[in-house]
Amino acid sequence: MGGHIARMWKDGLLSKKEAKELCDFVFVAGHDTTAILLANAFRAFSEQPELLERIRRNPEDANLFVEELARYRGTVQRASRITIEEVDVTGVRIPAGAIVRLLPAAANRDSNKYPDGETFDIDRNTPTGTGAWATVCTAASARRWRGWRSWSRCSSSPRSWPPSSSAPISRSNTSAETI
């Protein structure tokens, strides 16, 4: 991604300021979505400890887990876009120049697209948690890779996680050293 931005700057398509701001945006967006994905993974493992055991037994299932996690607990809740041409979406005409608010996390649970979309199922194997643009989104690919790498290592993780206590985690009993 950085190389593409540098080429656009070199070719005069971006000013130095625009290139710097775009690099900053990509870095922050990648960090945020990865942090959200990892936090959501801890939540999923806490709610369904058998998932962690499955990945420990079958590290190759980590990619299925990451894809389903991205679909079920989407890291991007909303995004705004401006249409560049008139478009029809399920019978609704949207004119060119309209501001459209997308809700990908909600769409990822649409029962018209995903049978039983409200259920977390890593055997679903439908890699669309980042939306239709995922194939061209470098940040999504990087987030997937970091998530997969993190969870495929679960097979060698300490067996003491998740915590054995069913008590909610609170600030008073949590520190960076205990996590």
N, C-alpha and C. Protein backbone atom coordinates (compact mmCIF):
# COMPACT_ATOMS: atom_id res chain seq x y z
N MET A 1 0.83 -1.18 0.00
CA MET A 1 0.00 0.00 0.00
C MET A 1 0.88 1.25 0.00
N GLY A 2 1.93 1.24 0.83
CA GLY A 2 2.83 2.39 0.88
C GLY A 2 3.48 2.65 -0.46
N GLY A 3 3.85 1.58 -1.16
CA GLY A 3 4.46 1.73 -2.49
C GLY A 3 3.50 2.35 -3.49
N HIS A 4 2.24 1.97 -3.40
CA HIS A 4 1.23 2.54 -4.30
C HIS A 4 1.04 4.03 -4.02
N ILE A 5 0.99 4.40 -2.75
CA ILE A 5 0.86 5.81 -2.38
C ILE A 5 2.08 6.58 -2.86
N ALA A 6 3.28 6.02 -2.68
CA ALA A 6 4.51 6.68 -3.13
C ALA A 6 4.51 6.89 -4.64
N ARG A 7 4.04 5.89 -5.39
CA ARG A 7 3.98 6.05 -6.85
C ARG A 7 3.00 7.15 -7.25
N MET A 8 1.86 7.21 -6.55
CA MET A 8 0.89 8.26 -6.86
C MET A 8 1.48 9.64 -6.56
N TRP A 9 2.26 9.76 -5.49
CA TRP A 9 2.91 11.03 -5.16
C TRP A 9 3.96 11.35 -6.22
N LYS A 10 4.78 10.35 -6.58
CA LYS A 10 5.84 10.55 -7.58
C LYS A 10 5.25 10.94 -8.94
N ASP A 11 4.10 10.36 -9.28
CA ASP A 11 3.45 10.66 -10.56
C ASP A 11 2.63 11.95 -10.53
N GLY A 12 2.64 12.64 -9.40
CA GLY A 12 1.92 13.91 -9.30
C GLY A 12 0.43 13.78 -9.05
N LEU A 13 -0.03 12.58 -8.73
CA LEU A 13 -1.46 12.39 -8.47
C LEU A 13 -1.84 12.79 -7.05
N LEU A 14 -0.85 12.83 -6.16
CA LEU A 14 -1.06 13.26 -4.78
C LEU A 14 0.01 14.28 -4.41
N SER A 15 -0.37 15.26 -3.61
CA SER A 15 0.64 16.17 -3.07
C SER A 15 1.37 15.43 -1.94
N LYS A 16 2.50 15.98 -1.51
CA LYS A 16 3.24 15.36 -0.41
C LYS A 16 2.36 15.30 0.84
N LYS A 17 1.60 16.36 1.09
CA LYS A 17 0.71 16.41 2.25
C LYS A 17 -0.37 15.33 2.14
N GLU A 18 -0.97 15.18 0.94
CA GLU A 18 -2.00 14.15 0.74
C GLU A 18 -1.43 12.75 0.93
N ALA A 19 -0.22 12.52 0.40
CA ALA A 19 0.40 11.21 0.54
C ALA A 19 0.67 10.89 2.01
N LYS A 20 1.18 11.87 2.76
CA LYS A 20 1.42 11.66 4.19
C LYS A 20 0.12 11.38 4.92
N GLU A 21 -0.91 12.16 4.65
CA GLU A 21 -2.20 11.95 5.32
C GLU A 21 -2.79 10.59 4.98
N LEU A 22 -2.65 10.16 3.74
CA LEU A 22 -3.16 8.85 3.34
C LEU A 22 -2.39 7.73 4.04
N CYS A 23 -1.08 7.87 4.14
CA CYS A 23 -0.29 6.86 4.87
C CYS A 23 -0.71 6.82 6.34
N ASP A 24 -0.90 7.99 6.94
CA ASP A 24 -1.36 8.04 8.33
C ASP A 24 -2.70 7.33 8.48
N PHE A 25 -3.62 7.61 7.56
CA PHE A 25 -4.95 7.01 7.62
C PHE A 25 -4.87 5.49 7.52
N VAL A 26 -4.10 4.99 6.56
CA VAL A 26 -3.99 3.54 6.37
C VAL A 26 -3.38 2.88 7.61
N PHE A 27 -2.37 3.51 8.19
CA PHE A 27 -1.74 2.96 9.40
C PHE A 27 -2.74 2.89 10.55
N VAL A 28 -3.43 3.99 10.81
CA VAL A 28 -4.38 4.03 11.92
C VAL A 28 -5.54 3.07 11.68
N ALA A 29 -6.07 3.05 10.46
CA ALA A 29 -7.20 2.16 10.15
C ALA A 29 -6.79 0.70 10.32
N GLY A 30 -5.60 0.35 9.88
CA GLY A 30 -5.13 -1.02 10.04
C GLY A 30 -4.95 -1.39 11.50
N HIS A 31 -4.43 -0.47 12.28
CA HIS A 31 -4.25 -0.72 13.71
C HIS A 31 -5.60 -0.88 14.39
N ASP A 32 -6.52 0.05 14.13
CA ASP A 32 -7.84 0.00 14.78
C ASP A 32 -8.60 -1.27 14.46
N THR A 33 -8.66 -1.63 13.17
CA THR A 33 -9.45 -2.81 12.81
C THR A 33 -8.82 -4.09 13.36
N THR A 34 -7.49 -4.13 13.40
CA THR A 34 -6.83 -5.30 13.96
C THR A 34 -7.08 -5.40 15.46
N ALA A 35 -6.99 -4.27 16.16
CA ALA A 35 -7.25 -4.26 17.61
C ALA A 35 -8.69 -4.70 17.90
N ILE A 36 -9.63 -4.21 17.11
CA ILE A 36 -11.04 -4.59 17.29
C ILE A 36 -11.22 -6.08 17.02
N LEU A 37 -10.60 -6.58 15.95
CA LEU A 37 -10.70 -8.00 15.63
C LEU A 37 -10.16 -8.86 16.77
N LEU A 38 -9.02 -8.49 17.33
CA LEU A 38 -8.44 -9.27 18.42
C LEU A 38 -9.31 -9.21 19.67
N ALA A 39 -9.83 -8.04 19.99
CA ALA A 39 -10.73 -7.92 21.15
C ALA A 39 -11.98 -8.77 20.94
N ASN A 40 -12.53 -8.74 19.72
CA ASN A 40 -13.70 -9.56 19.42
C ASN A 40 -13.38 -11.05 19.52
N ALA A 41 -12.15 -11.42 19.17
CA ALA A 41 -11.75 -12.82 19.28
C ALA A 41 -11.72 -13.26 20.75
N PHE A 42 -11.18 -12.43 21.61
CA PHE A 42 -11.18 -12.77 23.04
C PHE A 42 -12.61 -12.93 23.54
N ARG A 43 -13.49 -12.06 23.08
CA ARG A 43 -14.90 -12.18 23.49
C ARG A 43 -15.49 -13.49 23.00
N ALA A 44 -15.25 -13.81 21.73
CA ALA A 44 -15.80 -15.06 21.17
C ALA A 44 -15.26 -16.27 21.92
N PHE A 45 -13.96 -16.28 22.22
CA PHE A 45 -13.38 -17.41 22.95
C PHE A 45 -13.93 -17.49 24.37
N SER A 46 -14.22 -16.35 24.97
CA SER A 46 -14.80 -16.36 26.32
C SER A 46 -16.22 -16.90 26.30
N GLU A 47 -16.97 -16.55 25.25
CA GLU A 47 -18.36 -17.00 25.13
C GLU A 47 -18.46 -18.45 24.67
N GLN A 48 -17.49 -18.88 23.85
CA GLN A 48 -17.51 -20.24 23.30
C GLN A 48 -16.11 -20.86 23.42
N PRO A 49 -15.71 -21.29 24.61
CA PRO A 49 -14.36 -21.83 24.81
C PRO A 49 -14.03 -23.00 23.89
N GLU A 50 -15.05 -23.70 23.42
CA GLU A 50 -14.79 -24.83 22.52
C GLU A 50 -14.15 -24.37 21.20
N LEU A 51 -14.35 -23.11 20.81
CA LEU A 51 -13.70 -22.58 19.60
C LEU A 51 -12.19 -22.54 19.78
N LEU A 52 -11.76 -22.07 20.93
CA LEU A 52 -10.32 -22.02 21.21
C LEU A 52 -9.73 -23.42 21.20
N GLU A 53 -10.42 -24.36 21.81
CA GLU A 53 -9.94 -25.75 21.81
C GLU A 53 -9.88 -26.30 20.39
N ARG A 54 -10.87 -25.97 19.57
CA ARG A 54 -10.87 -26.44 18.18
C ARG A 54 -9.65 -25.91 17.44
N ILE A 55 -9.34 -24.63 17.63
CA ILE A 55 -8.20 -24.04 16.93
C ILE A 55 -6.89 -24.59 17.49
N ARG A 56 -6.86 -24.89 18.75
CA ARG A 56 -5.67 -25.53 19.32
C ARG A 56 -5.45 -26.90 18.70
N ARG A 57 -6.54 -27.64 18.48
CA ARG A 57 -6.43 -28.97 17.86
C ARG A 57 -6.19 -28.88 16.35
N ASN A 58 -6.77 -27.86 15.71
CA ASN A 58 -6.71 -27.72 14.25
C ASN A 58 -6.32 -26.28 13.90
N PRO A 59 -5.04 -25.91 14.00
CA PRO A 59 -4.63 -24.52 13.73
C PRO A 59 -5.03 -24.03 12.34
N GLU A 60 -5.22 -24.95 11.40
CA GLU A 60 -5.63 -24.53 10.05
C GLU A 60 -7.03 -23.94 10.04
N ASP A 61 -7.82 -24.14 11.09
CA ASP A 61 -9.16 -23.55 11.18
C ASP A 61 -9.15 -22.09 11.62
N ALA A 62 -7.96 -21.57 11.94
CA ALA A 62 -7.87 -20.18 12.39
C ALA A 62 -8.38 -19.22 11.31
N ASN A 63 -8.10 -19.53 10.04
CA ASN A 63 -8.59 -18.64 8.98
C ASN A 63 -10.12 -18.63 8.91
N LEU A 64 -10.75 -19.77 9.13
CA LEU A 64 -12.22 -19.82 9.16
C LEU A 64 -12.75 -18.98 10.33
N PHE A 65 -12.08 -19.09 11.47
CA PHE A 65 -12.46 -18.32 12.65
C PHE A 65 -12.36 -16.82 12.37
N VAL A 66 -11.25 -16.38 11.79
CA VAL A 66 -11.05 -14.95 11.51
C VAL A 66 -12.10 -14.44 10.53
N GLU A 67 -12.39 -15.20 9.48
CA GLU A 67 -13.40 -14.76 8.50
C GLU A 67 -14.78 -14.65 9.14
N GLU A 68 -15.16 -15.65 9.92
CA GLU A 68 -16.48 -15.61 10.55
C GLU A 68 -16.54 -14.52 11.60
N LEU A 69 -15.46 -14.30 12.31
CA LEU A 69 -15.41 -13.23 13.30
C LEU A 69 -15.60 -11.87 12.62
N ALA A 70 -14.94 -11.68 11.49
CA ALA A 70 -15.09 -10.41 10.75
C ALA A 70 -16.53 -10.23 10.27
N ARG A 71 -17.18 -11.32 9.89
CA ARG A 71 -18.58 -11.23 9.46
C ARG A 71 -19.49 -10.97 10.65
N TYR A 72 -19.35 -11.75 11.68
CA TYR A 72 -20.29 -11.72 12.80
C TYR A 72 -20.14 -10.49 13.68
N ARG A 73 -18.94 -10.08 13.94
CA ARG A 73 -18.68 -8.93 14.82
C ARG A 73 -17.93 -7.85 14.05
N GLY A 74 -18.35 -7.57 12.83
CA GLY A 74 -17.66 -6.65 11.94
C GLY A 74 -16.82 -5.57 12.59
N THR A 75 -15.61 -5.42 12.10
CA THR A 75 -14.71 -4.40 12.64
C THR A 75 -15.07 -3.01 12.15
N VAL A 76 -15.75 -2.93 11.03
CA VAL A 76 -16.21 -1.64 10.51
C VAL A 76 -17.73 -1.61 10.64
N GLN A 77 -18.22 -0.74 11.50
CA GLN A 77 -19.66 -0.66 11.76
C GLN A 77 -20.39 0.18 10.72
N ARG A 78 -19.73 1.23 10.25
CA ARG A 78 -20.39 2.10 9.27
C ARG A 78 -19.32 2.78 8.41
N ALA A 79 -19.74 3.15 7.22
CA ALA A 79 -18.88 3.86 6.29
C ALA A 79 -19.76 4.73 5.41
N SER A 80 -19.27 5.87 5.04
CA SER A 80 -20.03 6.75 4.15
C SER A 80 -19.34 6.80 2.80
N ARG A 81 -20.13 6.86 1.77
CA ARG A 81 -19.62 6.96 0.40
C ARG A 81 -20.49 7.95 -0.36
N ILE A 82 -19.97 8.43 -1.48
CA ILE A 82 -20.73 9.30 -2.37
C ILE A 82 -20.83 8.56 -3.70
N THR A 83 -22.05 8.41 -4.20
CA THR A 83 -22.23 7.70 -5.47
C THR A 83 -21.67 8.57 -6.60
N ILE A 84 -21.00 7.93 -7.56
CA ILE A 84 -20.47 8.68 -8.70
C ILE A 84 -21.39 8.56 -9.91
N GLU A 85 -22.34 7.66 -9.82
CA GLU A 85 -23.34 7.53 -10.88
C GLU A 85 -24.63 7.00 -10.25
N GLU A 86 -25.71 7.16 -10.95
CA GLU A 86 -26.99 6.66 -10.45
C GLU A 86 -26.91 5.14 -10.33
N VAL A 87 -27.51 4.62 -9.26
CA VAL A 87 -27.46 3.18 -9.03
C VAL A 87 -28.79 2.73 -8.43
N ASP A 88 -29.17 1.49 -8.71
CA ASP A 88 -30.38 0.91 -8.14
C ASP A 88 -29.96 -0.17 -7.15
N VAL A 89 -30.43 -0.04 -5.92
CA VAL A 89 -30.13 -1.03 -4.88
C VAL A 89 -31.45 -1.60 -4.41
N THR A 90 -31.68 -2.85 -4.74
CA THR A 90 -32.92 -3.57 -4.39
C THR A 90 -34.17 -2.74 -4.65
N GLY A 91 -34.20 -2.12 -5.83
CA GLY A 91 -35.38 -1.37 -6.24
C GLY A 91 -35.43 0.08 -5.79
N VAL A 92 -34.43 0.53 -5.08
CA VAL A 92 -34.36 1.93 -4.64
C VAL A 92 -33.34 2.65 -5.50
N ARG A 93 -33.79 3.73 -6.16
CA ARG A 93 -32.90 4.50 -7.03
C ARG A 93 -32.11 5.49 -6.17
N ILE A 94 -30.79 5.45 -6.33
CA ILE A 94 -29.92 6.39 -5.62
C ILE A 94 -29.22 7.23 -6.68
N PRO A 95 -29.44 8.55 -6.65
CA PRO A 95 -28.87 9.40 -7.69
C PRO A 95 -27.36 9.58 -7.54
N ALA A 96 -26.71 9.97 -8.63
CA ALA A 96 -25.28 10.30 -8.57
C ALA A 96 -25.10 11.46 -7.60
N GLY A 97 -24.01 11.43 -6.86
CA GLY A 97 -23.72 12.50 -5.91
C GLY A 97 -24.39 12.36 -4.56
N ALA A 98 -25.14 11.28 -4.36
CA ALA A 98 -25.82 11.08 -3.08
C ALA A 98 -24.83 10.53 -2.04
N ILE A 99 -25.01 10.97 -0.81
CA ILE A 99 -24.22 10.42 0.29
C ILE A 99 -24.94 9.17 0.78
N VAL A 100 -24.22 8.07 0.82
CA VAL A 100 -24.80 6.79 1.22
C VAL A 100 -24.09 6.33 2.48
N ARG A 101 -24.85 5.95 3.47
CA ARG A 101 -24.26 5.43 4.71
C ARG A 101 -24.40 3.91 4.66
N LEU A 102 -23.28 3.23 4.69
CA LEU A 102 -23.25 1.77 4.65
C LEU A 102 -23.12 1.24 6.08
N LEU A 103 -23.79 0.14 6.34
CA LEU A 103 -23.72 -0.51 7.66
C LEU A 103 -23.28 -1.96 7.45
N PRO A 104 -22.00 -2.17 7.13
CA PRO A 104 -21.54 -3.52 6.78
C PRO A 104 -21.72 -4.54 7.89
N ALA A 105 -21.54 -4.16 9.14
CA ALA A 105 -21.69 -5.14 10.23
C ALA A 105 -23.13 -5.63 10.31
N ALA A 106 -24.08 -4.73 10.10
CA ALA A 106 -25.49 -5.14 10.10
C ALA A 106 -25.80 -5.98 8.87
N ALA A 107 -25.27 -5.58 7.73
CA ALA A 107 -25.52 -6.33 6.50
C ALA A 107 -24.97 -7.75 6.58
N ASN A 108 -23.89 -7.92 7.32
CA ASN A 108 -23.28 -9.25 7.46
C ASN A 108 -24.13 -10.22 8.26
N ARG A 109 -25.21 -9.74 8.85
CA ARG A 109 -26.13 -10.63 9.57
C ARG A 109 -27.47 -10.75 8.85
N ASP A 110 -27.55 -10.22 7.65
CA ASP A 110 -28.79 -10.25 6.86
C ASP A 110 -29.15 -11.69 6.50
N SER A 111 -30.32 -12.12 6.95
CA SER A 111 -30.75 -13.51 6.71
C SER A 111 -31.02 -13.78 5.23
N ASN A 112 -31.21 -12.73 4.42
CA ASN A 112 -31.36 -12.93 2.98
C ASN A 112 -30.04 -13.35 2.34
N LYS A 113 -28.94 -12.96 2.94
CA LYS A 113 -27.62 -13.29 2.41
C LYS A 113 -26.99 -14.47 3.15
N TYR A 114 -27.18 -14.51 4.47
CA TYR A 114 -26.57 -15.53 5.31
C TYR A 114 -27.64 -16.30 6.06
N PRO A 115 -27.91 -17.53 5.68
CA PRO A 115 -28.88 -18.31 6.45
C PRO A 115 -28.42 -18.36 7.91
N ASP A 116 -29.33 -18.07 8.81
CA ASP A 116 -29.03 -18.08 10.24
C ASP A 116 -27.87 -17.11 10.55
N GLY A 117 -27.95 -15.92 9.97
CA GLY A 117 -26.89 -14.92 10.10
C GLY A 117 -26.60 -14.45 11.50
N GLU A 118 -27.51 -14.69 12.44
CA GLU A 118 -27.30 -14.28 13.83
C GLU A 118 -26.50 -15.32 14.62
N THR A 119 -26.11 -16.40 13.96
CA THR A 119 -25.34 -17.46 14.62
C THR A 119 -23.88 -17.38 14.21
N PHE A 120 -22.98 -17.49 15.18
CA PHE A 120 -21.54 -17.52 14.93
C PHE A 120 -21.18 -18.95 14.56
N ASP A 121 -20.72 -19.15 13.32
CA ASP A 121 -20.45 -20.50 12.82
C ASP A 121 -19.22 -20.48 11.94
N ILE A 122 -18.09 -20.95 12.45
CA ILE A 122 -16.86 -20.86 11.66
C ILE A 122 -16.85 -21.83 10.48
N ASP A 123 -17.79 -22.74 10.43
CA ASP A 123 -17.88 -23.63 9.27
C ASP A 123 -18.68 -23.01 8.13
N ARG A 124 -19.17 -21.79 8.34
CA ARG A 124 -19.94 -21.08 7.31
C ARG A 124 -19.08 -20.84 6.07
N ASN A 125 -17.81 -20.45 6.29
CA ASN A 125 -16.84 -20.24 5.22
C ASN A 125 -17.33 -19.31 4.12
N THR A 126 -17.76 -18.12 4.51
CA THR A 126 -18.14 -17.09 3.54
C THR A 126 -17.31 -15.85 3.82
N PRO A 127 -16.17 -15.71 3.13
CA PRO A 127 -15.24 -14.62 3.42
C PRO A 127 -15.71 -13.25 2.94
N THR A 128 -16.68 -12.69 3.63
CA THR A 128 -17.17 -11.37 3.24
C THR A 128 -17.33 -10.44 4.42
N GLY A 129 -16.68 -10.72 5.52
CA GLY A 129 -16.82 -9.89 6.71
C GLY A 129 -16.39 -8.45 6.53
N THR A 130 -15.60 -8.17 5.51
CA THR A 130 -15.18 -6.80 5.27
C THR A 130 -15.92 -6.18 4.10
N GLY A 131 -16.93 -6.85 3.61
CA GLY A 131 -17.72 -6.29 2.53
C GLY A 131 -17.22 -6.71 1.16
N ALA A 132 -17.94 -6.29 0.14
CA ALA A 132 -17.62 -6.68 -1.23
C ALA A 132 -16.28 -6.13 -1.69
N TRP A 133 -15.80 -5.08 -1.06
CA TRP A 133 -14.53 -4.48 -1.47
C TRP A 133 -13.33 -5.17 -0.84
N ALA A 134 -13.54 -6.23 -0.09
CA ALA A 134 -12.45 -6.88 0.66
C ALA A 134 -11.32 -7.34 -0.25
N THR A 135 -11.63 -7.73 -1.48
CA THR A 135 -10.58 -8.24 -2.34
C THR A 135 -9.62 -7.15 -2.78
N VAL A 136 -10.03 -5.90 -2.70
CA VAL A 136 -9.14 -4.80 -3.09
C VAL A 136 -8.67 -3.99 -1.90
N CYS A 137 -9.06 -4.37 -0.71
CA CYS A 137 -8.72 -3.61 0.49
C CYS A 137 -7.47 -4.19 1.13
N THR A 138 -6.37 -3.50 0.98
CA THR A 138 -5.12 -3.96 1.55
C THR A 138 -5.20 -4.07 3.06
N ALA A 139 -5.85 -3.11 3.69
CA ALA A 139 -5.97 -3.15 5.16
C ALA A 139 -6.72 -4.39 5.61
N ALA A 140 -7.77 -4.77 4.87
CA ALA A 140 -8.54 -5.96 5.24
C ALA A 140 -7.67 -7.20 5.11
N SER A 141 -6.87 -7.27 4.05
CA SER A 141 -5.99 -8.42 3.87
C SER A 141 -4.95 -8.49 4.98
N ALA A 142 -4.40 -7.34 5.35
CA ALA A 142 -3.40 -7.31 6.42
C ALA A 142 -4.03 -7.69 7.75
N ARG A 143 -5.24 -7.19 8.01
CA ARG A 143 -5.92 -7.51 9.26
C ARG A 143 -6.20 -9.01 9.32
N ARG A 144 -6.64 -9.58 8.21
CA ARG A 144 -6.90 -11.03 8.16
C ARG A 144 -5.63 -11.81 8.47
N TRP A 145 -4.54 -11.40 7.83
CA TRP A 145 -3.28 -12.10 8.04
C TRP A 145 -2.86 -12.02 9.49
N ARG A 146 -2.92 -10.83 10.11
CA ARG A 146 -2.53 -10.68 11.51
C ARG A 146 -3.45 -11.50 12.42
N GLY A 147 -4.74 -11.48 12.12
CA GLY A 147 -5.68 -12.27 12.92
C GLY A 147 -5.42 -13.75 12.79
N TRP A 148 -5.23 -14.20 11.56
CA TRP A 148 -4.95 -15.63 11.33
C TRP A 148 -3.66 -16.04 12.04
N ARG A 149 -2.63 -15.22 11.91
CA ARG A 149 -1.34 -15.53 12.53
C ARG A 149 -1.48 -15.61 14.05
N SER A 150 -2.24 -14.68 14.61
CA SER A 150 -2.43 -14.68 16.06
C SER A 150 -3.13 -15.94 16.53
N TRP A 151 -4.23 -16.28 15.86
CA TRP A 151 -5.04 -17.39 16.36
C TRP A 151 -4.54 -18.75 15.92
N SER A 152 -3.75 -18.81 14.86
CA SER A 152 -3.18 -20.10 14.50
C SER A 152 -2.11 -20.52 15.51
N ARG A 153 -1.60 -19.56 16.27
CA ARG A 153 -0.62 -19.86 17.31
C ARG A 153 -1.26 -20.33 18.61
N CYS A 154 -2.58 -20.33 18.66
CA CYS A 154 -3.28 -20.74 19.89
C CYS A 154 -2.92 -22.16 20.29
N SER A 155 -2.52 -22.97 19.34
CA SER A 155 -2.22 -24.37 19.68
C SER A 155 -1.04 -24.48 20.64
N SER A 156 -0.20 -23.45 20.69
CA SER A 156 0.93 -23.50 21.62
C SER A 156 0.75 -22.52 22.78
N SER A 157 -0.45 -21.95 22.92
CA SER A 157 -0.72 -20.99 24.00
C SER A 157 -0.87 -21.69 25.33
N PRO A 158 -0.69 -20.93 26.41
CA PRO A 158 -0.94 -21.51 27.74
C PRO A 158 -2.37 -22.01 27.83
N ARG A 159 -2.57 -23.09 28.53
CA ARG A 159 -3.91 -23.67 28.66
C ARG A 159 -4.76 -22.94 29.70
N SER A 160 -4.21 -21.93 30.36
CA SER A 160 -4.96 -21.23 31.40
C SER A 160 -5.89 -20.17 30.83
N TRP A 161 -5.92 -20.00 29.54
CA TRP A 161 -6.83 -19.03 28.95
C TRP A 161 -7.89 -19.79 28.19
N PRO A 162 -9.15 -19.43 28.20
CA PRO A 162 -9.70 -18.28 28.91
C PRO A 162 -9.72 -18.49 30.41
N PRO A 163 -9.87 -17.39 31.17
CA PRO A 163 -9.89 -17.51 32.63
C PRO A 163 -10.95 -18.51 33.08
N SER A 164 -10.64 -19.25 34.12
CA SER A 164 -11.58 -20.26 34.60
C SER A 164 -12.76 -19.64 35.34
N SER A 165 -12.59 -18.43 35.83
CA SER A 165 -13.67 -17.77 36.56
C SER A 165 -14.76 -17.33 35.60
N SER A 166 -15.99 -17.47 36.00
CA SER A 166 -17.09 -17.00 35.16
C SER A 166 -17.47 -15.57 35.50
N ALA A 167 -16.75 -14.96 36.47
CA ALA A 167 -17.04 -13.58 36.85
C ALA A 167 -16.63 -12.64 35.73
N PRO A 168 -17.39 -11.57 35.53
CA PRO A 168 -17.03 -10.60 34.49
C PRO A 168 -15.67 -9.98 34.78
N ILE A 169 -14.98 -9.63 33.74
CA ILE A 169 -13.69 -8.96 33.90
C ILE A 169 -13.98 -7.50 34.22
N SER A 170 -13.34 -6.98 35.26
CA SER A 170 -13.53 -5.58 35.62
C SER A 170 -12.18 -4.90 35.74
N ARG A 171 -12.19 -3.59 35.72
CA ARG A 171 -10.94 -2.85 35.83
C ARG A 171 -10.22 -3.15 37.13
N SER A 172 -10.96 -3.37 38.19
CA SER A 172 -10.33 -3.56 39.50
C SER A 172 -9.54 -4.86 39.59
N ASN A 173 -9.87 -5.86 38.77
CA ASN A 173 -9.14 -7.12 38.87
C ASN A 173 -8.36 -7.44 37.60
N THR A 174 -8.05 -6.42 36.83
CA THR A 174 -7.34 -6.64 35.58
C THR A 174 -6.19 -5.64 35.45
N SER A 175 -5.06 -6.12 35.00
CA SER A 175 -3.95 -5.23 34.69
C SER A 175 -3.25 -5.78 33.47
N ALA A 176 -2.37 -4.98 32.91
CA ALA A 176 -1.65 -5.43 31.72
C ALA A 176 -0.85 -6.69 32.02
N GLU A 177 -0.38 -6.81 33.25
CA GLU A 177 0.42 -7.98 33.62
C GLU A 177 -0.41 -9.25 33.69
N THR A 178 -1.72 -9.12 34.00
CA THR A 178 -2.54 -10.32 34.16
C THR A 178 -3.19 -10.77 32.87
N ILE A 179 -3.12 -9.95 31.85
CA ILE A 179 -3.80 -10.31 30.59
C ILE A 179 -2.90 -11.14 29.73
